[in-house]
Amino acid sequence: MSDRIIPPGVRFFILIVLGLLMSGQCRADTIVNSGSDTLSGIYEVKDFAAAGVYSSGEEQEAREFTGYFLTVHGDHVVLPDSVLCHISSSVRRILRNDRDSFGSAGGSWSETGLQKTPESGYAVTEIGFDCDGPFSGMIIQPESGTYLLKYWSVYLVLGREWDTE
């Protein structure tokens, strides 16, 4: 059996494609940088929380996932509907009770469990998922123990059950 040699141009193309595939995802253990805390773990959907305007149909659909689980390990996320996604982005930002980050319906991010921070708002990490569907990402504030799963335009409150690291 003879060894095949991959032409240099094809080898370069393969390396570029692999690099692009790997660069589009974030590892859960690099998202949370507060000591030994990581995002990897198993979370139970505990409750419903809203921020801004939403429809009652979304609330009813979201509440049906209470008692289900979300699992995060590395760059993989298994959603409560058993869909496997990857973490595609992680952005640290300040949320405020204004039209830009909360909406025009009134209320406060504190109603979702977030706590105000010295930055005159709610310092959080927004995490995006790479799959289509109702679950598009998370808002986390590990300092307050608040983990929110975005379901369309509402949130599900997650309770951390187990670490997977």
C-alpha atoms as a PDB file:
ATOM      1  CA  MET A   1       0.000   0.000   0.000  1.00  0.00           C
ATOM      2  CA  SER A   2       1.484   3.310  -1.022  1.00  0.00           C
ATOM      3  CA  ASP A   3       1.420   6.480   1.022  1.00  0.00           C
ATOM      4  CA  ARG A   4      -0.573   9.273  -0.553  1.00  0.00           C
ATOM      5  CA  ILE A   5       0.823  12.743  -0.471  1.00  0.00           C
ATOM      6  CA  ILE A   6      -1.621  15.605  -0.093  1.00  0.00           C
ATOM      7  CA  PRO A   7      -0.694  18.453  -2.446  1.00  0.00           C
ATOM      8  CA  PRO A   8       0.397  21.621  -0.555  1.00  0.00           C
ATOM      9  CA  GLY A   9      -2.545  23.688  -1.859  1.00  0.00           C
ATOM     10  CA  VAL A  10      -5.086  21.121  -0.648  1.00  0.00           C
ATOM     11  CA  ARG A  11      -3.315  20.773   2.718  1.00  0.00           C
ATOM     12  CA  PHE A  12      -3.450  24.562   3.178  1.00  0.00           C
ATOM     13  CA  PHE A  13      -7.167  24.589   2.298  1.00  0.00           C
ATOM     14  CA  ILE A  14      -7.890  21.797   4.827  1.00  0.00           C
ATOM     15  CA  LEU A  15      -6.008  23.668   7.563  1.00  0.00           C
ATOM     16  CA  ILE A  16      -7.932  26.895   6.833  1.00  0.00           C
ATOM     17  CA  VAL A  17     -11.315  25.091   6.973  1.00  0.00           C
ATOM     18  CA  LEU A  18     -10.401  23.334  10.242  1.00  0.00           C
ATOM     19  CA  GLY A  19      -9.239  26.633  11.739  1.00  0.00           C
ATOM     20  CA  LEU A  20     -12.479  28.367  10.793  1.00  0.00           C
ATOM     21  CA  LEU A  21     -14.576  25.558  12.227  1.00  0.00           C
ATOM     22  CA  MET A  22     -12.699  25.616  15.505  1.00  0.00           C
ATOM     23  CA  SER A  23     -12.604  29.418  15.818  1.00  0.00           C
ATOM     24  CA  GLY A  24     -16.387  29.801  15.706  1.00  0.00           C
ATOM     25  CA  GLN A  25     -16.906  28.153  19.050  1.00  0.00           C
ATOM     26  CA  CYS A  26     -16.058  29.109  22.630  1.00  0.00           C
ATOM     27  CA  ARG A  27     -15.188  26.719  25.409  1.00  0.00           C
ATOM     28  CA  ALA A  28     -17.447  27.043  28.428  1.00  0.00           C
ATOM     29  CA  ASP A  29     -14.515  26.991  30.826  1.00  0.00           C
ATOM     30  CA  THR A  30     -13.029  30.133  29.264  1.00  0.00           C
ATOM     31  CA  ILE A  31     -16.238  32.180  29.501  1.00  0.00           C
ATOM     32  CA  VAL A  32     -16.459  32.539  33.264  1.00  0.00           C
ATOM     33  CA  ASN A  33     -13.249  33.860  34.773  1.00  0.00           C
ATOM     34  CA  SER A  34     -14.059  34.146  38.462  1.00  0.00           C
ATOM     35  CA  GLY A  35     -11.609  31.784  40.103  1.00  0.00           C
ATOM     36  CA  SER A  36     -12.511  28.128  39.705  1.00  0.00           C
ATOM     37  CA  ASP A  37     -16.049  28.830  38.433  1.00  0.00           C
ATOM     38  CA  THR A  38     -16.881  27.522  34.956  1.00  0.00           C
ATOM     39  CA  LEU A  39     -20.021  27.451  32.858  1.00  0.00           C
ATOM     40  CA  SER A  40     -19.795  23.686  32.266  1.00  0.00           C
ATOM     41  CA  GLY A  41     -22.489  21.951  34.244  1.00  0.00           C
ATOM     42  CA  ILE A  42     -26.041  20.663  34.334  1.00  0.00           C
ATOM     43  CA  TYR A  43     -28.787  23.219  34.931  1.00  0.00           C
ATOM     44  CA  GLU A  44     -32.443  22.626  35.712  1.00  0.00           C
ATOM     45  CA  VAL A  45     -35.095  24.948  34.279  1.00  0.00           C
ATOM     46  CA  LYS A  46     -36.635  26.337  37.475  1.00  0.00           C
ATOM     47  CA  ASP A  47     -38.906  29.210  36.515  1.00  0.00           C
ATOM     48  CA  PHE A  48     -40.032  31.750  33.956  1.00  0.00           C
ATOM     49  CA  ALA A  49     -38.749  35.340  33.794  1.00  0.00           C
ATOM     50  CA  ALA A  50     -39.578  38.121  31.367  1.00  0.00           C
ATOM     51  CA  ALA A  51     -37.723  41.210  30.321  1.00  0.00           C
ATOM     52  CA  GLY A  52     -39.711  43.636  28.238  1.00  0.00           C
ATOM     53  CA  VAL A  53     -42.591  42.865  25.877  1.00  0.00           C
ATOM     54  CA  TYR A  54     -43.518  39.263  25.126  1.00  0.00           C
ATOM     55  CA  SER A  55     -46.576  37.275  24.135  1.00  0.00           C
ATOM     56  CA  SER A  56     -48.550  35.054  26.483  1.00  0.00           C
ATOM     57  CA  GLY A  57     -48.032  32.216  23.993  1.00  0.00           C
ATOM     58  CA  GLU A  58     -44.263  32.454  24.496  1.00  0.00           C
ATOM     59  CA  GLU A  59     -44.733  32.388  28.252  1.00  0.00           C
ATOM     60  CA  GLN A  60     -46.898  29.277  28.097  1.00  0.00           C
ATOM     61  CA  GLU A  61     -44.455  27.485  25.759  1.00  0.00           C
ATOM     62  CA  ALA A  62     -41.477  28.473  27.903  1.00  0.00           C
ATOM     63  CA  ARG A  63     -43.113  27.342  31.151  1.00  0.00           C
ATOM     64  CA  GLU A  64     -43.612  23.861  29.649  1.00  0.00           C
ATOM     65  CA  PHE A  65     -39.816  23.361  29.941  1.00  0.00           C
ATOM     66  CA  THR A  66     -39.842  23.775  33.746  1.00  0.00           C
ATOM     67  CA  GLY A  67     -38.147  20.719  35.236  1.00  0.00           C
ATOM     68  CA  TYR A  68     -36.141  19.991  32.069  1.00  0.00           C
ATOM     69  CA  PHE A  69     -32.343  20.227  31.948  1.00  0.00           C
ATOM     70  CA  LEU A  70     -29.677  22.144  30.025  1.00  0.00           C
ATOM     71  CA  THR A  71     -26.181  20.642  29.870  1.00  0.00           C
ATOM     72  CA  VAL A  72     -23.044  22.634  29.029  1.00  0.00           C
ATOM     73  CA  HIS A  73     -19.724  20.878  28.510  1.00  0.00           C
ATOM     74  CA  GLY A  74     -16.791  22.419  26.682  1.00  0.00           C
ATOM     75  CA  ASP A  75     -18.292  24.091  23.630  1.00  0.00           C
ATOM     76  CA  HIS A  76     -21.335  21.773  23.533  1.00  0.00           C
ATOM     77  CA  VAL A  77     -24.804  22.651  24.800  1.00  0.00           C
ATOM     78  CA  VAL A  78     -27.658  20.157  25.049  1.00  0.00           C
ATOM     79  CA  LEU A  79     -30.850  22.190  25.252  1.00  0.00           C
ATOM     80  CA  PRO A  80     -34.018  21.269  27.178  1.00  0.00           C
ATOM     81  CA  ASP A  81     -35.581  20.089  23.899  1.00  0.00           C
ATOM     82  CA  SER A  82     -32.587  17.694  23.422  1.00  0.00           C
ATOM     83  CA  VAL A  83     -31.078  19.699  20.551  1.00  0.00           C
ATOM     84  CA  LEU A  84     -27.271  19.780  20.503  1.00  0.00           C
ATOM     85  CA  CYS A  85     -25.716  23.199  19.830  1.00  0.00           C
ATOM     86  CA  HIS A  86     -22.356  24.850  20.246  1.00  0.00           C
ATOM     87  CA  ILE A  87     -21.434  28.016  22.063  1.00  0.00           C
ATOM     88  CA  SER A  88     -20.723  30.454  19.241  1.00  0.00           C
ATOM     89  CA  SER A  89     -20.126  33.706  21.102  1.00  0.00           C
ATOM     90  CA  SER A  90     -19.474  35.207  24.488  1.00  0.00           C
ATOM     91  CA  VAL A  91     -19.743  38.950  25.122  1.00  0.00           C
ATOM     92  CA  ARG A  92     -19.404  40.788  28.418  1.00  0.00           C
ATOM     93  CA  ARG A  93     -21.797  43.763  28.603  1.00  0.00           C
ATOM     94  CA  ILE A  94     -23.767  46.031  30.901  1.00  0.00           C
ATOM     95  CA  LEU A  95     -27.556  45.718  30.768  1.00  0.00           C
ATOM     96  CA  ARG A  96     -29.669  48.653  31.862  1.00  0.00           C
ATOM     97  CA  ASN A  97     -33.374  49.129  32.458  1.00  0.00           C
ATOM     98  CA  ASP A  98     -33.743  51.068  29.211  1.00  0.00           C
ATOM     99  CA  ARG A  99     -35.192  50.598  25.730  1.00  0.00           C
ATOM    100  CA  ASP A 100     -31.930  49.283  24.264  1.00  0.00           C
ATOM    101  CA  SER A 101     -31.369  46.341  26.578  1.00  0.00           C
ATOM    102  CA  PHE A 102     -34.677  45.829  28.360  1.00  0.00           C
ATOM    103  CA  GLY A 103     -37.463  47.113  26.157  1.00  0.00           C
ATOM    104  CA  SER A 104     -40.234  49.647  26.465  1.00  0.00           C
ATOM    105  CA  ALA A 105     -42.628  47.687  28.689  1.00  0.00           C
ATOM    106  CA  GLY A 106     -41.165  48.890  31.964  1.00  0.00           C
ATOM    107  CA  GLY A 107     -39.835  46.713  34.717  1.00  0.00           C
ATOM    108  CA  SER A 108     -36.312  45.849  35.726  1.00  0.00           C
ATOM    109  CA  TRP A 109     -33.634  43.273  35.030  1.00  0.00           C
ATOM    110  CA  SER A 110     -33.664  42.641  38.785  1.00  0.00           C
ATOM    111  CA  GLU A 111     -37.007  40.855  38.211  1.00  0.00           C
ATOM    112  CA  THR A 112     -35.037  38.153  36.354  1.00  0.00           C
ATOM    113  CA  GLY A 113     -32.657  37.667  39.286  1.00  0.00           C
ATOM    114  CA  LEU A 114     -29.799  39.872  38.077  1.00  0.00           C
ATOM    115  CA  GLN A 115     -28.119  42.139  40.613  1.00  0.00           C
ATOM    116  CA  LYS A 116     -26.887  45.667  39.974  1.00  0.00           C
ATOM    117  CA  THR A 117     -23.143  46.042  39.856  1.00  0.00           C
ATOM    118  CA  PRO A 118     -20.883  49.065  40.441  1.00  0.00           C
ATOM    119  CA  GLU A 119     -20.917  49.755  36.670  1.00  0.00           C
ATOM    120  CA  SER A 120     -24.392  51.407  37.047  1.00  0.00           C
ATOM    121  CA  GLY A 121     -26.219  48.507  35.519  1.00  0.00           C
ATOM    122  CA  TYR A 122     -26.193  44.739  35.415  1.00  0.00           C
ATOM    123  CA  ALA A 123     -22.790  43.345  34.349  1.00  0.00           C
ATOM    124  CA  VAL A 124     -23.459  40.054  32.560  1.00  0.00           C
ATOM    125  CA  THR A 125     -22.021  37.705  29.992  1.00  0.00           C
ATOM    126  CA  GLU A 126     -24.234  37.037  26.983  1.00  0.00           C
ATOM    127  CA  ILE A 127     -23.651  33.664  25.379  1.00  0.00           C
ATOM    128  CA  GLY A 128     -24.857  32.805  21.884  1.00  0.00           C
ATOM    129  CA  PHE A 129     -25.688  29.368  20.481  1.00  0.00           C
ATOM    130  CA  ASP A 130     -25.138  28.336  16.861  1.00  0.00           C
ATOM    131  CA  CYS A 131     -28.481  26.620  16.282  1.00  0.00           C
ATOM    132  CA  ASP A 132     -31.812  27.849  15.024  1.00  0.00           C
ATOM    133  CA  GLY A 133     -34.922  27.572  17.130  1.00  0.00           C
ATOM    134  CA  PRO A 134     -36.430  29.072  20.242  1.00  0.00           C
ATOM    135  CA  PHE A 135     -33.307  28.724  22.421  1.00  0.00           C
ATOM    136  CA  SER A 136     -30.780  31.299  21.230  1.00  0.00           C
ATOM    137  CA  GLY A 137     -28.426  31.777  24.161  1.00  0.00           C
ATOM    138  CA  MET A 138     -27.922  32.618  27.798  1.00  0.00           C
ATOM    139  CA  ILE A 139     -27.360  35.601  30.049  1.00  0.00           C
ATOM    140  CA  ILE A 140     -25.208  34.732  33.020  1.00  0.00           C
ATOM    141  CA  GLN A 141     -24.144  36.582  36.137  1.00  0.00           C
ATOM    142  CA  PRO A 142     -22.222  33.985  38.166  1.00  0.00           C
ATOM    143  CA  GLU A 143     -21.539  36.496  40.949  1.00  0.00           C
ATOM    144  CA  SER A 144     -25.249  36.511  41.796  1.00  0.00           C
ATOM    145  CA  GLY A 145     -25.821  32.876  40.812  1.00  0.00           C
ATOM    146  CA  THR A 146     -28.140  33.966  37.999  1.00  0.00           C
ATOM    147  CA  TYR A 147     -28.256  31.883  34.816  1.00  0.00           C
ATOM    148  CA  LEU A 148     -30.960  32.727  32.272  1.00  0.00           C
ATOM    149  CA  LEU A 149     -31.772  30.722  29.136  1.00  0.00           C
ATOM    150  CA  LYS A 150     -33.256  32.792  26.316  1.00  0.00           C
ATOM    151  CA  TYR A 151     -36.439  31.318  24.818  1.00  0.00           C
ATOM    152  CA  TRP A 152     -37.605  33.541  21.941  1.00  0.00           C
ATOM    153  CA  SER A 153     -38.039  36.914  23.746  1.00  0.00           C
ATOM    154  CA  VAL A 154     -38.409  35.579  27.304  1.00  0.00           C
ATOM    155  CA  TYR A 155     -36.066  33.869  29.752  1.00  0.00           C
ATOM    156  CA  LEU A 156     -36.062  30.688  31.752  1.00  0.00           C
ATOM    157  CA  VAL A 157     -34.340  30.804  35.130  1.00  0.00           C
ATOM    158  CA  LEU A 158     -31.791  28.025  35.497  1.00  0.00           C
ATOM    159  CA  GLY A 159     -30.657  26.444  38.733  1.00  0.00           C
ATOM    160  CA  ARG A 160     -27.181  24.945  38.637  1.00  0.00           C
ATOM    161  CA  GLU A 161     -27.412  21.311  39.674  1.00  0.00           C
ATOM    162  CA  TRP A 162     -24.014  19.708  38.956  1.00  0.00           C
ATOM    163  CA  ASP A 163     -20.599  20.650  37.595  1.00  0.00           C
ATOM    164  CA  THR A 164     -19.393  18.523  34.696  1.00  0.00           C
ATOM    165  CA  GLU A 165     -15.698  19.438  34.957  1.00  0.00           C
END
